[in-house]
Amino acid sequence: METTQAITVSATIQAAVSKVWEHYTLPEHVMHWNNASDDWYCPHAKNDLSIGGRFVYGMAAKDGSFSFDFGGTYTDIKQNERIAYIMDDNRKAEVIFSPQGNETKVTVTFDPEMENTRELQEGGWQAILNNFKKYVEGV
C-alpha cells in the first residue's frame, strides 16, 4: 500500500537567489522549463503570486496525445525564501529557496497523489527541477 508521506526533491543552481526566484515564478520563464521530458512542453502559464492567488501551468505531450493543467492556490509567500500552495486536488506543496553564496538550493516538498507510484512522482518532479536548473544556468 502506498504511503502518503511527503516527497522531497532538490537541486542546487549556479545563480543568485533573486534570479532563481524570478525564473521560478514568472510565467514567461516557467513555459521554458516546466516539463519532465523532451517530449512534453508547457504551452501556457499563468501565475498570480500572492496569498490566495492562483497559478495554472499547462502540461502537454508534443505529439498532441495528452494534456492537462496543473494548478493551485498560494497559501504562503516569502520572496526569495518560500512558496507554499495547495494544488487543485487538495495536496500541499512547499518550495524553499536557500541561498548558498553564488548558488541557490531549491527544495520542493509535496504530498503524493495516489494514482502513480512514489518513485514515478519523485522522478517526474526531480526531472522538472533538473530542467529548471538547466534553464536558469543557461540564460
N, C-alpha and C. Protein backbone atom coordinates (compact mmCIF):
# COMPACT_ATOMS: atom_id res chain seq x y z
N MET A 1 0.83 -1.18 0.00
CA MET A 1 0.00 0.00 0.00
C MET A 1 0.88 1.25 0.00
N GLU A 2 0.49 2.23 -0.81
CA GLU A 2 1.25 3.48 -0.92
C GLU A 2 1.13 4.27 0.39
N THR A 3 2.20 4.94 0.75
CA THR A 3 2.18 5.81 1.91
C THR A 3 1.95 7.25 1.46
N THR A 4 1.39 8.06 2.32
CA THR A 4 1.12 9.44 1.95
C THR A 4 2.20 10.39 2.46
N GLN A 5 3.32 9.86 2.95
CA GLN A 5 4.40 10.70 3.42
C GLN A 5 4.89 11.60 2.28
N ALA A 6 5.17 12.85 2.60
CA ALA A 6 5.60 13.82 1.59
C ALA A 6 6.86 13.36 0.86
N ILE A 7 7.00 13.82 -0.36
CA ILE A 7 8.16 13.54 -1.20
C ILE A 7 8.95 14.84 -1.33
N THR A 8 10.28 14.74 -1.30
CA THR A 8 11.13 15.91 -1.41
C THR A 8 12.14 15.71 -2.54
N VAL A 9 12.27 16.74 -3.38
CA VAL A 9 13.30 16.76 -4.43
C VAL A 9 14.05 18.08 -4.29
N SER A 10 15.29 18.13 -4.79
CA SER A 10 16.05 19.37 -4.69
C SER A 10 17.10 19.46 -5.79
N ALA A 11 17.57 20.68 -6.01
CA ALA A 11 18.65 20.94 -6.96
C ALA A 11 19.37 22.19 -6.50
N THR A 12 20.68 22.21 -6.70
CA THR A 12 21.48 23.39 -6.40
C THR A 12 21.82 24.07 -7.72
N ILE A 13 21.45 25.33 -7.82
CA ILE A 13 21.54 26.07 -9.07
C ILE A 13 22.63 27.13 -8.96
N GLN A 14 23.44 27.22 -9.99
CA GLN A 14 24.55 28.18 -10.02
C GLN A 14 24.01 29.56 -10.40
N ALA A 15 23.28 30.19 -9.47
CA ALA A 15 22.73 31.53 -9.69
C ALA A 15 22.28 32.10 -8.35
N ALA A 16 22.24 33.42 -8.30
CA ALA A 16 21.78 34.12 -7.10
C ALA A 16 20.30 33.84 -6.87
N VAL A 17 19.89 33.91 -5.61
CA VAL A 17 18.50 33.59 -5.25
C VAL A 17 17.50 34.48 -5.98
N SER A 18 17.83 35.75 -6.20
CA SER A 18 16.88 36.64 -6.88
C SER A 18 16.60 36.18 -8.31
N LYS A 19 17.62 35.73 -9.02
CA LYS A 19 17.43 35.20 -10.38
C LYS A 19 16.65 33.90 -10.34
N VAL A 20 16.98 33.03 -9.41
CA VAL A 20 16.29 31.74 -9.29
C VAL A 20 14.80 31.97 -9.01
N TRP A 21 14.50 32.86 -8.07
CA TRP A 21 13.11 33.18 -7.73
C TRP A 21 12.35 33.68 -8.96
N GLU A 22 12.95 34.63 -9.66
CA GLU A 22 12.30 35.23 -10.84
C GLU A 22 12.01 34.16 -11.90
N HIS A 23 12.96 33.31 -12.16
CA HIS A 23 12.79 32.29 -13.20
C HIS A 23 11.82 31.19 -12.77
N TYR A 24 11.67 31.02 -11.47
CA TYR A 24 10.72 30.02 -10.96
C TYR A 24 9.29 30.53 -10.98
N THR A 25 9.11 31.84 -10.88
CA THR A 25 7.77 32.38 -10.68
C THR A 25 7.18 33.14 -11.87
N LEU A 26 7.98 33.68 -12.77
CA LEU A 26 7.43 34.44 -13.89
C LEU A 26 6.98 33.51 -15.02
N PRO A 27 5.73 33.64 -15.46
CA PRO A 27 5.18 32.74 -16.48
C PRO A 27 6.03 32.62 -17.75
N GLU A 28 6.63 33.74 -18.19
CA GLU A 28 7.43 33.68 -19.42
C GLU A 28 8.65 32.79 -19.25
N HIS A 29 9.11 32.58 -18.04
CA HIS A 29 10.20 31.64 -17.79
C HIS A 29 9.67 30.23 -17.55
N VAL A 30 8.59 30.11 -16.79
CA VAL A 30 8.02 28.80 -16.46
C VAL A 30 7.78 27.97 -17.73
N MET A 31 7.30 28.62 -18.78
CA MET A 31 6.99 27.91 -20.02
C MET A 31 8.23 27.27 -20.65
N HIS A 32 9.43 27.72 -20.28
CA HIS A 32 10.67 27.17 -20.85
C HIS A 32 11.19 25.94 -20.11
N TRP A 33 10.79 25.77 -18.85
CA TRP A 33 11.38 24.67 -18.07
C TRP A 33 10.38 23.68 -17.49
N ASN A 34 9.11 23.98 -17.52
CA ASN A 34 8.12 23.16 -16.81
C ASN A 34 7.69 21.93 -17.62
N ASN A 35 8.61 20.98 -17.74
CA ASN A 35 8.31 19.69 -18.36
C ASN A 35 9.30 18.66 -17.82
N ALA A 36 8.83 17.43 -17.75
CA ALA A 36 9.67 16.37 -17.17
C ALA A 36 10.53 15.66 -18.21
N SER A 37 10.16 15.79 -19.49
CA SER A 37 10.94 15.14 -20.55
C SER A 37 10.81 15.95 -21.84
N ASP A 38 11.70 15.67 -22.78
CA ASP A 38 11.74 16.46 -24.02
C ASP A 38 10.51 16.27 -24.90
N ASP A 39 9.71 15.24 -24.65
CA ASP A 39 8.52 15.03 -25.48
C ASP A 39 7.28 15.72 -24.89
N TRP A 40 7.48 16.52 -23.85
CA TRP A 40 6.42 17.33 -23.24
C TRP A 40 6.83 18.79 -23.27
N TYR A 41 5.85 19.68 -23.13
CA TYR A 41 6.13 21.11 -23.05
C TYR A 41 5.04 21.80 -22.26
N CYS A 42 5.27 23.07 -21.96
CA CYS A 42 4.33 23.90 -21.19
C CYS A 42 3.76 24.95 -22.13
N PRO A 43 2.57 24.71 -22.72
CA PRO A 43 2.02 25.63 -23.71
C PRO A 43 1.51 26.95 -23.14
N HIS A 44 1.19 27.00 -21.85
CA HIS A 44 0.74 28.24 -21.24
C HIS A 44 1.02 28.22 -19.74
N ALA A 45 1.19 29.41 -19.20
CA ALA A 45 1.43 29.55 -17.76
C ALA A 45 0.84 30.87 -17.29
N LYS A 46 0.08 30.80 -16.22
CA LYS A 46 -0.46 32.00 -15.57
C LYS A 46 -0.10 31.90 -14.10
N ASN A 47 0.27 33.03 -13.51
CA ASN A 47 0.71 33.00 -12.12
C ASN A 47 0.38 34.31 -11.42
N ASP A 48 -0.51 34.24 -10.44
CA ASP A 48 -0.82 35.38 -9.57
C ASP A 48 -0.12 35.09 -8.24
N LEU A 49 1.13 35.52 -8.15
CA LEU A 49 1.98 35.20 -7.00
C LEU A 49 1.61 36.10 -5.82
N SER A 50 0.50 35.72 -5.17
CA SER A 50 0.04 36.42 -3.97
C SER A 50 -0.72 35.40 -3.13
N ILE A 51 -0.78 35.64 -1.82
CA ILE A 51 -1.51 34.71 -0.96
C ILE A 51 -2.98 34.72 -1.39
N GLY A 52 -3.51 33.54 -1.68
CA GLY A 52 -4.85 33.41 -2.23
C GLY A 52 -4.87 33.47 -3.75
N GLY A 53 -3.75 33.86 -4.36
CA GLY A 53 -3.64 33.90 -5.82
C GLY A 53 -3.47 32.49 -6.38
N ARG A 54 -3.74 32.37 -7.67
CA ARG A 54 -3.68 31.06 -8.31
C ARG A 54 -2.60 31.00 -9.40
N PHE A 55 -2.12 29.79 -9.63
CA PHE A 55 -1.26 29.53 -10.79
C PHE A 55 -1.90 28.40 -11.58
N VAL A 56 -1.72 28.44 -12.88
CA VAL A 56 -2.15 27.35 -13.77
C VAL A 56 -1.09 27.20 -14.84
N TYR A 57 -0.48 26.02 -14.91
CA TYR A 57 0.55 25.71 -15.89
C TYR A 57 0.04 24.58 -16.77
N GLY A 58 0.03 24.79 -18.07
CA GLY A 58 -0.34 23.72 -18.99
C GLY A 58 0.80 22.73 -19.13
N MET A 59 0.45 21.47 -19.26
CA MET A 59 1.44 20.44 -19.49
C MET A 59 0.89 19.58 -20.62
N ALA A 60 1.67 19.44 -21.71
CA ALA A 60 1.15 18.76 -22.88
C ALA A 60 2.22 17.93 -23.57
N ALA A 61 1.80 16.79 -24.10
CA ALA A 61 2.68 15.97 -24.92
C ALA A 61 2.85 16.67 -26.26
N LYS A 62 4.08 16.71 -26.77
CA LYS A 62 4.33 17.38 -28.04
C LYS A 62 3.60 16.73 -29.19
N ASP A 63 3.29 15.44 -29.08
CA ASP A 63 2.57 14.75 -30.16
C ASP A 63 1.06 14.97 -30.10
N GLY A 64 0.61 15.76 -29.12
CA GLY A 64 -0.81 16.07 -29.01
C GLY A 64 -1.66 14.99 -28.38
N SER A 65 -1.05 13.93 -27.87
CA SER A 65 -1.80 12.79 -27.35
C SER A 65 -2.43 13.03 -25.98
N PHE A 66 -1.89 13.97 -25.21
CA PHE A 66 -2.40 14.18 -23.86
C PHE A 66 -1.99 15.56 -23.38
N SER A 67 -2.87 16.18 -22.59
CA SER A 67 -2.51 17.45 -21.95
C SER A 67 -3.37 17.63 -20.70
N PHE A 68 -2.88 18.44 -19.79
CA PHE A 68 -3.64 18.76 -18.59
C PHE A 68 -3.11 20.06 -18.01
N ASP A 69 -3.89 20.67 -17.14
CA ASP A 69 -3.46 21.86 -16.41
C ASP A 69 -3.07 21.45 -15.00
N PHE A 70 -1.96 21.97 -14.54
CA PHE A 70 -1.50 21.80 -13.17
C PHE A 70 -1.69 23.14 -12.49
N GLY A 71 -2.50 23.17 -11.44
CA GLY A 71 -2.77 24.44 -10.80
C GLY A 71 -2.90 24.33 -9.30
N GLY A 72 -2.95 25.51 -8.68
CA GLY A 72 -3.12 25.56 -7.24
C GLY A 72 -3.29 26.98 -6.75
N THR A 73 -3.41 27.10 -5.44
CA THR A 73 -3.63 28.37 -4.77
C THR A 73 -2.55 28.59 -3.72
N TYR A 74 -1.95 29.78 -3.73
CA TYR A 74 -0.87 30.08 -2.79
C TYR A 74 -1.39 30.30 -1.38
N THR A 75 -0.70 29.70 -0.41
CA THR A 75 -1.06 29.86 1.00
C THR A 75 -0.02 30.65 1.78
N ASP A 76 1.21 30.72 1.27
CA ASP A 76 2.26 31.49 1.94
C ASP A 76 3.33 31.84 0.92
N ILE A 77 3.83 33.06 1.01
CA ILE A 77 4.89 33.52 0.12
C ILE A 77 5.82 34.43 0.91
N LYS A 78 7.11 34.11 0.87
CA LYS A 78 8.14 34.98 1.42
C LYS A 78 9.17 35.13 0.32
N GLN A 79 9.19 36.30 -0.32
CA GLN A 79 10.03 36.50 -1.51
C GLN A 79 11.46 36.04 -1.29
N ASN A 80 11.96 35.31 -2.28
CA ASN A 80 13.32 34.76 -2.31
C ASN A 80 13.57 33.71 -1.20
N GLU A 81 12.49 33.27 -0.51
CA GLU A 81 12.67 32.30 0.57
C GLU A 81 11.75 31.09 0.46
N ARG A 82 10.43 31.33 0.31
CA ARG A 82 9.48 30.22 0.45
C ARG A 82 8.20 30.50 -0.31
N ILE A 83 7.68 29.45 -0.93
CA ILE A 83 6.36 29.46 -1.55
C ILE A 83 5.64 28.21 -1.06
N ALA A 84 4.42 28.38 -0.57
CA ALA A 84 3.59 27.23 -0.18
C ALA A 84 2.27 27.35 -0.93
N TYR A 85 1.74 26.20 -1.34
CA TYR A 85 0.48 26.22 -2.07
C TYR A 85 -0.28 24.92 -1.87
N ILE A 86 -1.57 24.99 -2.19
CA ILE A 86 -2.42 23.81 -2.20
C ILE A 86 -2.80 23.56 -3.66
N MET A 87 -2.49 22.37 -4.14
CA MET A 87 -2.83 22.01 -5.51
C MET A 87 -4.34 21.86 -5.64
N ASP A 88 -4.83 21.89 -6.86
CA ASP A 88 -6.27 21.81 -7.10
C ASP A 88 -6.90 20.52 -6.56
N ASP A 89 -6.10 19.48 -6.35
CA ASP A 89 -6.64 18.24 -5.78
C ASP A 89 -6.43 18.18 -4.25
N ASN A 90 -6.15 19.33 -3.65
CA ASN A 90 -6.00 19.50 -2.19
C ASN A 90 -4.71 18.96 -1.59
N ARG A 91 -3.74 18.61 -2.42
CA ARG A 91 -2.44 18.22 -1.89
C ARG A 91 -1.63 19.49 -1.63
N LYS A 92 -0.77 19.45 -0.62
CA LYS A 92 0.05 20.59 -0.25
C LYS A 92 1.45 20.46 -0.85
N ALA A 93 2.06 21.62 -1.08
CA ALA A 93 3.45 21.66 -1.57
C ALA A 93 4.14 22.89 -1.02
N GLU A 94 5.46 22.80 -0.92
CA GLU A 94 6.27 23.90 -0.42
C GLU A 94 7.56 23.93 -1.22
N VAL A 95 8.00 25.13 -1.58
CA VAL A 95 9.27 25.33 -2.28
C VAL A 95 10.12 26.25 -1.41
N ILE A 96 11.32 25.79 -1.08
CA ILE A 96 12.25 26.55 -0.25
C ILE A 96 13.45 26.97 -1.12
N PHE A 97 13.79 28.25 -1.06
CA PHE A 97 14.94 28.80 -1.78
C PHE A 97 16.01 29.12 -0.75
N SER A 98 17.14 28.41 -0.80
CA SER A 98 18.20 28.58 0.20
C SER A 98 19.46 29.11 -0.47
N PRO A 99 19.76 30.42 -0.31
CA PRO A 99 20.98 30.96 -0.90
C PRO A 99 22.21 30.36 -0.23
N GLN A 100 23.19 30.03 -1.06
CA GLN A 100 24.45 29.47 -0.57
C GLN A 100 25.57 30.14 -1.35
N GLY A 101 25.90 31.37 -0.99
CA GLY A 101 26.90 32.13 -1.75
C GLY A 101 26.32 32.50 -3.10
N ASN A 102 27.01 32.10 -4.17
CA ASN A 102 26.55 32.38 -5.54
C ASN A 102 25.63 31.29 -6.07
N GLU A 103 25.23 30.36 -5.22
CA GLU A 103 24.34 29.28 -5.60
C GLU A 103 23.05 29.40 -4.81
N THR A 104 22.04 28.70 -5.30
CA THR A 104 20.76 28.64 -4.58
C THR A 104 20.26 27.20 -4.62
N LYS A 105 19.99 26.66 -3.46
CA LYS A 105 19.39 25.34 -3.38
C LYS A 105 17.88 25.51 -3.38
N VAL A 106 17.21 24.80 -4.28
CA VAL A 106 15.75 24.80 -4.34
C VAL A 106 15.29 23.43 -3.89
N THR A 107 14.44 23.41 -2.86
CA THR A 107 13.91 22.17 -2.32
C THR A 107 12.39 22.22 -2.43
N VAL A 108 11.83 21.21 -3.08
CA VAL A 108 10.38 21.11 -3.26
C VAL A 108 9.89 19.89 -2.49
N THR A 109 8.93 20.11 -1.61
CA THR A 109 8.31 19.02 -0.85
C THR A 109 6.82 19.04 -1.17
N PHE A 110 6.29 17.86 -1.51
CA PHE A 110 4.89 17.81 -1.91
C PHE A 110 4.24 16.52 -1.43
N ASP A 111 2.93 16.60 -1.22
CA ASP A 111 2.14 15.42 -0.90
C ASP A 111 1.94 14.61 -2.16
N PRO A 112 2.19 13.31 -2.12
CA PRO A 112 1.99 12.48 -3.32
C PRO A 112 0.51 12.26 -3.61
N GLU A 113 0.23 11.97 -4.88
CA GLU A 113 -1.12 11.55 -5.25
C GLU A 113 -1.15 10.03 -5.21
N MET A 114 -2.30 9.45 -5.37
CA MET A 114 -2.44 8.00 -5.20
C MET A 114 -2.50 7.23 -6.51
N GLU A 115 -2.46 7.93 -7.66
CA GLU A 115 -2.57 7.24 -8.94
C GLU A 115 -1.25 6.64 -9.40
N ASN A 116 -0.14 7.29 -9.11
CA ASN A 116 1.17 6.85 -9.57
C ASN A 116 2.06 6.50 -8.38
N THR A 117 3.08 5.68 -8.63
CA THR A 117 3.98 5.27 -7.55
C THR A 117 4.77 6.46 -7.04
N ARG A 118 5.24 6.36 -5.82
CA ARG A 118 6.09 7.41 -5.24
C ARG A 118 7.32 7.61 -6.11
N GLU A 119 7.90 6.51 -6.59
CA GLU A 119 9.11 6.59 -7.40
C GLU A 119 8.86 7.38 -8.70
N LEU A 120 7.73 7.12 -9.33
CA LEU A 120 7.39 7.83 -10.56
C LEU A 120 7.18 9.32 -10.29
N GLN A 121 6.48 9.63 -9.20
CA GLN A 121 6.24 11.04 -8.86
C GLN A 121 7.55 11.74 -8.51
N GLU A 122 8.37 11.11 -7.69
CA GLU A 122 9.65 11.70 -7.32
C GLU A 122 10.50 11.93 -8.56
N GLY A 123 10.55 10.94 -9.45
CA GLY A 123 11.34 11.06 -10.68
C GLY A 123 10.83 12.18 -11.57
N GLY A 124 9.51 12.31 -11.69
CA GLY A 124 8.94 13.35 -12.54
C GLY A 124 9.21 14.74 -12.00
N TRP A 125 8.97 14.94 -10.70
CA TRP A 125 9.21 16.26 -10.10
C TRP A 125 10.70 16.59 -10.11
N GLN A 126 11.56 15.59 -9.90
CA GLN A 126 13.01 15.83 -9.95
C GLN A 126 13.42 16.21 -11.36
N ALA A 127 12.86 15.54 -12.36
CA ALA A 127 13.18 15.86 -13.76
C ALA A 127 12.79 17.30 -14.10
N ILE A 128 11.63 17.74 -13.63
CA ILE A 128 11.20 19.12 -13.86
C ILE A 128 12.17 20.08 -13.18
N LEU A 129 12.56 19.78 -11.95
CA LEU A 129 13.51 20.64 -11.23
C LEU A 129 14.87 20.65 -11.92
N ASN A 130 15.29 19.51 -12.46
CA ASN A 130 16.55 19.46 -13.21
C ASN A 130 16.46 20.32 -14.47
N ASN A 131 15.30 20.30 -15.15
CA ASN A 131 15.10 21.17 -16.31
C ASN A 131 15.17 22.63 -15.89
N PHE A 132 14.59 22.95 -14.72
CA PHE A 132 14.64 24.31 -14.21
C PHE A 132 16.10 24.74 -14.01
N LYS A 133 16.88 23.89 -13.36
CA LYS A 133 18.31 24.17 -13.13
C LYS A 133 19.03 24.44 -14.45
N LYS A 134 18.81 23.57 -15.42
CA LYS A 134 19.47 23.69 -16.74
C LYS A 134 19.05 25.01 -17.40
N TYR A 135 17.78 25.36 -17.31
CA TYR A 135 17.29 26.60 -17.93
C TYR A 135 17.92 27.82 -17.26
N VAL A 136 17.87 27.89 -15.94
CA VAL A 136 18.38 29.06 -15.22
C VAL A 136 19.89 29.22 -15.48
N GLU A 137 20.61 28.14 -15.44
CA GLU A 137 22.06 28.23 -15.63
C GLU A 137 22.43 28.54 -17.08
N GLY A 138 21.50 28.33 -18.01
CA GLY A 138 21.78 28.58 -19.43
C GLY A 138 21.37 29.94 -19.95
N VAL A 139 20.65 30.73 -19.13
CA VAL A 139 20.21 32.06 -19.59
C VAL A 139 20.93 33.17 -18.86
